[in-house]
């Protein structure tokens, strides 16, 4: 009987890089979401919806890290570089050492500032990605 394994491509432990800043703390979500636009093509015998374009959004969520200092804070980086283009990279490694990385560019946006009563100060922000990100898989090197 063949062995079956499940591979988590982006495990809960991941790193996000924005320009020169590398963050592994405070981030609880870094996901790429795609929205596909379609057009309907009609002929005498049928109607078909065809994809005509695709847009990507990077969702970042986590805890506001304003007190980490500007050199270590994803919130400060996004705040200070709002509306500027920045490179990003999301990478993760599974238990076998296989690595998957998504990389691209986005136009930075300012995150939420301030908590709600009796809650930790969290943020969630959708940032438009320029074009479609690259996705790369690197297999672990055997020892």
C-alpha atoms as a PDB file:
ATOM      1  CA  UNK A   1       0.000   0.000   0.000  1.00  0.00           C
ATOM      2  CA  UNK A   2       1.339   3.462  -0.930  1.00  0.00           C
ATOM      3  CA  UNK A   3       2.245   5.885   1.831  1.00  0.00           C
ATOM      4  CA  UNK A   4       0.083   9.013   1.942  1.00  0.00           C
ATOM      5  CA  UNK A   5       1.407  12.254   3.371  1.00  0.00           C
ATOM      6  CA  UNK A   6      -0.186  15.616   3.866  1.00  0.00           C
ATOM      7  CA  UNK A   7       1.962  18.667   3.164  1.00  0.00           C
ATOM      8  CA  UNK A   8       1.139  22.071   4.608  1.00  0.00           C
ATOM      9  CA  UNK A   9       2.624  24.529   2.137  1.00  0.00           C
ATOM     10  CA  UNK A  10       2.365  27.555   4.394  1.00  0.00           C
ATOM     11  CA  UNK A  11       2.386  26.405   7.998  1.00  0.00           C
ATOM     12  CA  UNK A  12       1.363  28.549  10.923  1.00  0.00           C
ATOM     13  CA  UNK A  13       5.015  29.595  11.365  1.00  0.00           C
ATOM     14  CA  UNK A  14       5.943  31.880   8.477  1.00  0.00           C
ATOM     15  CA  UNK A  15       7.949  34.986   7.700  1.00  0.00           C
ATOM     16  CA  UNK A  16       6.864  38.071   5.806  1.00  0.00           C
ATOM     17  CA  UNK A  17       9.342  40.504   4.319  1.00  0.00           C
ATOM     18  CA  UNK A  18       8.415  44.023   3.280  1.00  0.00           C
ATOM     19  CA  UNK A  19      11.371  45.695   1.628  1.00  0.00           C
ATOM     20  CA  UNK A  20      14.280  45.247   4.075  1.00  0.00           C
ATOM     21  CA  UNK A  21      11.988  44.528   7.070  1.00  0.00           C
ATOM     22  CA  UNK A  22      11.591  40.864   8.046  1.00  0.00           C
ATOM     23  CA  UNK A  23       8.759  40.055  10.463  1.00  0.00           C
ATOM     24  CA  UNK A  24       7.940  36.774  12.176  1.00  0.00           C
ATOM     25  CA  UNK A  25       6.126  38.183  15.232  1.00  0.00           C
ATOM     26  CA  UNK A  26       2.828  40.057  15.516  1.00  0.00           C
ATOM     27  CA  UNK A  27       1.507  38.716  12.173  1.00  0.00           C
ATOM     28  CA  UNK A  28      -1.319  36.178  12.412  1.00  0.00           C
ATOM     29  CA  UNK A  29      -2.372  36.211   8.741  1.00  0.00           C
ATOM     30  CA  UNK A  30      -0.633  36.846   5.436  1.00  0.00           C
ATOM     31  CA  UNK A  31      -2.843  35.608   2.624  1.00  0.00           C
ATOM     32  CA  UNK A  32      -3.070  36.311  -1.087  1.00  0.00           C
ATOM     33  CA  UNK A  33      -6.610  36.475  -2.456  1.00  0.00           C
ATOM     34  CA  UNK A  34      -7.518  36.597  -6.132  1.00  0.00           C
ATOM     35  CA  UNK A  35     -10.528  38.203  -7.773  1.00  0.00           C
ATOM     36  CA  UNK A  36     -11.235  37.133 -11.341  1.00  0.00           C
ATOM     37  CA  UNK A  37     -13.268  39.335 -13.655  1.00  0.00           C
ATOM     38  CA  UNK A  38     -15.345  37.664 -16.356  1.00  0.00           C
ATOM     39  CA  UNK A  39     -17.255  38.563 -19.443  1.00  0.00           C
ATOM     40  CA  UNK A  40     -20.176  36.717 -20.973  1.00  0.00           C
ATOM     41  CA  UNK A  41     -19.762  35.582 -24.576  1.00  0.00           C
ATOM     42  CA  UNK A  42     -23.017  34.803 -26.374  1.00  0.00           C
ATOM     43  CA  UNK A  43     -23.369  32.910 -29.612  1.00  0.00           C
ATOM     44  CA  UNK A  44     -26.471  31.641 -31.391  1.00  0.00           C
ATOM     45  CA  UNK A  45     -26.243  28.325 -29.539  1.00  0.00           C
ATOM     46  CA  UNK A  46     -24.702  29.011 -26.149  1.00  0.00           C
ATOM     47  CA  UNK A  47     -23.586  31.473 -23.518  1.00  0.00           C
ATOM     48  CA  UNK A  48     -20.189  31.173 -21.824  1.00  0.00           C
ATOM     49  CA  UNK A  49     -18.480  33.167 -19.082  1.00  0.00           C
ATOM     50  CA  UNK A  50     -14.782  33.688 -19.820  1.00  0.00           C
ATOM     51  CA  UNK A  51     -12.155  34.987 -17.431  1.00  0.00           C
ATOM     52  CA  UNK A  52     -10.766  38.314 -18.642  1.00  0.00           C
ATOM     53  CA  UNK A  53      -8.535  39.450 -15.812  1.00  0.00           C
ATOM     54  CA  UNK A  54      -7.297  38.799 -12.339  1.00  0.00           C
ATOM     55  CA  UNK A  55      -6.490  41.066  -9.387  1.00  0.00           C
ATOM     56  CA  UNK A  56      -4.622  40.084  -6.270  1.00  0.00           C
ATOM     57  CA  UNK A  57      -4.921  41.406  -2.721  1.00  0.00           C
ATOM     58  CA  UNK A  58      -2.556  40.755   0.186  1.00  0.00           C
ATOM     59  CA  UNK A  59      -4.343  40.536   3.524  1.00  0.00           C
ATOM     60  CA  UNK A  60      -2.159  41.189   6.546  1.00  0.00           C
ATOM     61  CA  UNK A  61      -3.534  40.795  10.045  1.00  0.00           C
ATOM     62  CA  UNK A  62      -2.005  40.656  13.467  1.00  0.00           C
ATOM     63  CA  UNK A  63      -1.254  42.677  16.557  1.00  0.00           C
ATOM     64  CA  UNK A  64      -0.366  46.338  16.291  1.00  0.00           C
ATOM     65  CA  UNK A  65       3.355  46.559  17.011  1.00  0.00           C
ATOM     66  CA  UNK A  66       3.847  50.310  17.338  1.00  0.00           C
ATOM     67  CA  UNK A  67       6.047  49.868  20.431  1.00  0.00           C
ATOM     68  CA  UNK A  68       8.472  47.460  18.722  1.00  0.00           C
ATOM     69  CA  UNK A  69      10.369  50.419  17.288  1.00  0.00           C
ATOM     70  CA  UNK A  70      10.371  51.578  13.689  1.00  0.00           C
ATOM     71  CA  UNK A  71      13.106  49.134  12.611  1.00  0.00           C
ATOM     72  CA  UNK A  72      11.101  46.057  13.706  1.00  0.00           C
ATOM     73  CA  UNK A  73       7.456  47.062  13.219  1.00  0.00           C
ATOM     74  CA  UNK A  74       5.263  46.047  10.295  1.00  0.00           C
ATOM     75  CA  UNK A  75       2.708  48.710  11.351  1.00  0.00           C
ATOM     76  CA  UNK A  76       5.327  51.489  11.280  1.00  0.00           C
ATOM     77  CA  UNK A  77       6.668  50.254   7.924  1.00  0.00           C
ATOM     78  CA  UNK A  78       3.198  50.348   6.362  1.00  0.00           C
ATOM     79  CA  UNK A  79       2.371  53.716   7.996  1.00  0.00           C
ATOM     80  CA  UNK A  80       5.589  55.445   6.938  1.00  0.00           C
ATOM     81  CA  UNK A  81       5.486  54.100   3.380  1.00  0.00           C
ATOM     82  CA  UNK A  82       1.764  54.443   2.676  1.00  0.00           C
ATOM     83  CA  UNK A  83       1.009  54.669  -1.058  1.00  0.00           C
ATOM     84  CA  UNK A  84       4.590  53.713  -1.924  1.00  0.00           C
ATOM     85  CA  UNK A  85       5.432  50.549  -3.831  1.00  0.00           C
ATOM     86  CA  UNK A  86       7.229  47.902  -1.806  1.00  0.00           C
ATOM     87  CA  UNK A  87       8.412  44.360  -2.405  1.00  0.00           C
ATOM     88  CA  UNK A  88       6.948  41.616  -0.232  1.00  0.00           C
ATOM     89  CA  UNK A  89       7.741  37.976   0.372  1.00  0.00           C
ATOM     90  CA  UNK A  90       5.802  35.376   2.345  1.00  0.00           C
ATOM     91  CA  UNK A  91       7.697  32.183   3.044  1.00  0.00           C
ATOM     92  CA  UNK A  92       7.105  29.087   5.100  1.00  0.00           C
ATOM     93  CA  UNK A  93       8.718  25.714   5.631  1.00  0.00           C
ATOM     94  CA  UNK A  94       7.069  22.372   6.326  1.00  0.00           C
ATOM     95  CA  UNK A  95       8.302  19.675   8.710  1.00  0.00           C
ATOM     96  CA  UNK A  96      10.361  18.034   5.944  1.00  0.00           C
ATOM     97  CA  UNK A  97      12.247  21.249   5.144  1.00  0.00           C
ATOM     98  CA  UNK A  98      10.390  21.995   1.890  1.00  0.00           C
ATOM     99  CA  UNK A  99       9.961  25.727   1.349  1.00  0.00           C
ATOM    100  CA  UNK A 100       7.312  27.721  -0.491  1.00  0.00           C
ATOM    101  CA  UNK A 101       7.610  31.433  -1.178  1.00  0.00           C
ATOM    102  CA  UNK A 102       5.217  33.959  -2.688  1.00  0.00           C
ATOM    103  CA  UNK A 103       6.762  37.265  -3.734  1.00  0.00           C
ATOM    104  CA  UNK A 104       5.677  40.395  -5.522  1.00  0.00           C
ATOM    105  CA  UNK A 105       5.047  44.102  -5.046  1.00  0.00           C
ATOM    106  CA  UNK A 106       2.220  46.078  -3.500  1.00  0.00           C
ATOM    107  CA  UNK A 107       1.247  49.640  -2.792  1.00  0.00           C
ATOM    108  CA  UNK A 108       1.495  50.076   0.996  1.00  0.00           C
ATOM    109  CA  UNK A 109      -1.511  51.218   3.024  1.00  0.00           C
ATOM    110  CA  UNK A 110      -1.736  52.461   6.607  1.00  0.00           C
ATOM    111  CA  UNK A 111      -2.968  49.857   9.109  1.00  0.00           C
ATOM    112  CA  UNK A 112      -5.485  50.361  11.897  1.00  0.00           C
ATOM    113  CA  UNK A 113      -4.321  52.294  14.949  1.00  0.00           C
ATOM    114  CA  UNK A 114      -5.912  51.785  18.349  1.00  0.00           C
ATOM    115  CA  UNK A 115      -7.602  49.007  20.297  1.00  0.00           C
ATOM    116  CA  UNK A 116     -11.180  48.333  21.245  1.00  0.00           C
ATOM    117  CA  UNK A 117     -12.158  48.141  24.918  1.00  0.00           C
ATOM    118  CA  UNK A 118     -10.891  45.066  26.770  1.00  0.00           C
ATOM    119  CA  UNK A 119      -9.092  43.707  23.714  1.00  0.00           C
ATOM    120  CA  UNK A 120      -5.571  43.593  22.353  1.00  0.00           C
ATOM    121  CA  UNK A 121      -4.836  46.122  19.614  1.00  0.00           C
ATOM    122  CA  UNK A 122      -5.198  44.159  16.388  1.00  0.00           C
ATOM    123  CA  UNK A 123      -5.151  45.172  12.754  1.00  0.00           C
ATOM    124  CA  UNK A 124      -6.313  43.696   9.470  1.00  0.00           C
ATOM    125  CA  UNK A 125      -5.648  45.347   6.150  1.00  0.00           C
ATOM    126  CA  UNK A 126      -6.182  44.457   2.490  1.00  0.00           C
ATOM    127  CA  UNK A 127      -3.393  45.767   0.287  1.00  0.00           C
ATOM    128  CA  UNK A 128      -3.587  45.780  -3.524  1.00  0.00           C
ATOM    129  CA  UNK A 129      -0.837  43.731  -5.177  1.00  0.00           C
ATOM    130  CA  UNK A 130       0.747  44.920  -8.413  1.00  0.00           C
ATOM    131  CA  UNK A 131       0.265  42.184 -11.006  1.00  0.00           C
ATOM    132  CA  UNK A 132       0.304  38.523 -10.011  1.00  0.00           C
ATOM    133  CA  UNK A 133       2.856  37.374  -7.394  1.00  0.00           C
ATOM    134  CA  UNK A 134       5.456  34.719  -8.138  1.00  0.00           C
ATOM    135  CA  UNK A 135       5.126  31.386  -6.337  1.00  0.00           C
ATOM    136  CA  UNK A 136       8.181  29.182  -5.854  1.00  0.00           C
ATOM    137  CA  UNK A 137       8.579  25.746  -4.267  1.00  0.00           C
ATOM    138  CA  UNK A 138      12.007  24.556  -3.146  1.00  0.00           C
ATOM    139  CA  UNK A 139      12.429  20.930  -2.122  1.00  0.00           C
ATOM    140  CA  UNK A 140      14.515  20.170   0.946  1.00  0.00           C
ATOM    141  CA  UNK A 141      18.081  19.071   0.286  1.00  0.00           C
ATOM    142  CA  UNK A 142      18.802  15.587   1.596  1.00  0.00           C
ATOM    143  CA  UNK A 143      21.538  15.503   4.263  1.00  0.00           C
END
